[in-house]
Protein backbone atom coordinates (compact mmCIF):
# COMPACT_ATOMS: atom_id res chain seq x y z
CA MET A 1 17.62 -3.55 7.34
CA ILE A 2 15.67 -4.29 3.59
CA ILE A 3 16.52 -6.05 1.12
CA TYR A 4 13.47 -6.12 -1.11
CA PRO A 5 12.01 -4.87 -1.96
CA SER A 6 14.39 -2.13 -2.27
CA ILE A 7 14.04 1.54 -0.81
CA ASP A 8 14.22 3.41 -4.43
CA LYS A 9 10.91 1.13 -5.08
CA LEU A 10 9.41 1.94 -1.99
CA LEU A 11 10.04 5.46 -2.40
CA ASP A 12 9.05 5.91 -5.86
CA ARG A 13 5.30 5.38 -3.84
CA VAL A 14 5.71 6.87 -0.63
CA ASP A 15 7.51 10.91 -0.70
CA SER A 16 9.51 10.27 1.86
CA ARG A 17 10.37 7.85 4.47
CA TYR A 18 8.79 9.38 7.49
CA SER A 19 5.74 8.53 5.84
CA LEU A 20 6.89 5.65 4.47
CA ALA A 21 8.08 4.20 7.79
CA VAL A 22 4.66 5.35 9.67
CA LEU A 23 2.65 3.61 6.97
CA ALA A 24 4.79 0.13 6.82
CA ALA A 25 4.50 0.14 10.74
CA LYS A 26 1.03 1.00 10.25
CA ARG A 27 -0.23 -1.60 8.08
CA ALA A 28 2.02 -3.92 9.45
CA HIS A 29 -0.05 -3.97 12.49
CA GLU A 30 -3.23 -4.26 10.95
CA LEU A 31 -1.94 -7.35 10.02
CA GLU A 32 -0.46 -7.95 13.17
CA ASN A 33 -4.61 -8.23 13.55
CA GLY A 34 -5.71 -10.51 11.36
CA ASP A 35 -5.46 -7.90 8.13
CA ILE A 36 -6.36 -9.11 5.34
CA GLU A 37 -3.02 -10.12 2.88
CA LEU A 38 -2.83 -8.40 -0.33
CA LEU A 39 -0.48 -10.17 -1.73
CA SER A 40 -1.23 -14.50 -2.76
CA LYS A 41 2.84 -14.08 -2.16
CA TYR A 42 5.13 -12.74 0.42
CA GLU A 43 9.06 -12.91 0.34
CA SER A 44 9.13 -11.60 3.92
CA PRO A 45 8.02 -14.12 6.47
CA ARG A 46 7.84 -10.96 9.43
CA THR A 47 4.58 -8.47 9.22
CA ILE A 48 6.06 -5.05 8.82
CA GLY A 49 8.24 -6.28 5.73
CA LYS A 50 5.17 -8.05 3.61
CA ALA A 51 3.54 -4.03 4.12
CA PHE A 52 6.91 -3.12 2.58
CA GLU A 53 6.15 -5.81 -0.83
CA GLU A 54 2.65 -4.36 -0.61
CA ILE A 55 3.16 -0.62 -0.42
CA ALA A 56 6.18 -1.49 -3.60
CA ASP A 57 3.41 -3.58 -5.22
CA ASP A 58 0.68 -0.32 -5.27
CA LYS A 59 -2.00 -2.36 -2.85
CA ILE A 60 -1.40 0.22 -0.04
CA GLU A 61 -1.03 4.06 0.04
CA ILE A 62 -1.29 7.20 1.97
CA ASP A 63 -4.92 8.24 2.48
CA PRO A 64 -4.38 12.31 2.68
CA ASN A 65 -7.42 12.93 4.67
CA SER A 66 -5.86 10.92 7.75
CA ILE A 67 -5.31 12.22 10.39
CA LEU A 68 -1.87 11.26 12.36
CA LEU A 69 -1.16 13.07 15.80
CA GLU A 70 2.37 13.78 16.36
CA LYS A 71 2.60 11.59 19.41
CA GLU A 72 1.08 8.73 17.49
CA ALA A 73 3.16 9.18 15.17
CA GLU A 74 6.08 8.70 17.02
CA LYS A 75 4.54 5.80 19.02
CA VAL A 76 4.26 4.07 16.14
CA GLU A 77 7.99 4.94 15.28
CA GLU A 78 9.20 3.04 17.98
CA GLU A 79 7.93 -0.12 17.32
CA LYS A 80 8.55 -0.07 13.52
CA LYS A 81 12.36 0.04 15.16
CA GLU A 82 12.27 -2.05 18.43
CA GLU A 83 10.80 -4.82 15.37
CA ASP A 84 13.94 -4.59 13.19
């Protein structure tokens, strides 16, 4: 369950819950693979929480030119559910 940042704040940045889930999962995987952290301090110790914090702080946004196949999106969503 997301406590911080609030879902309302996140949905101000991303237009749908589905897009939010995919974006956060993708960013969490990038962080797990050693990508640079975009905030100096995080509330969450988990990568998915860090991804949500970056989205809330406007550090991450959806790339409108990115193409994610439905199978890939479903896989990302499944992985996110397993983390929660």
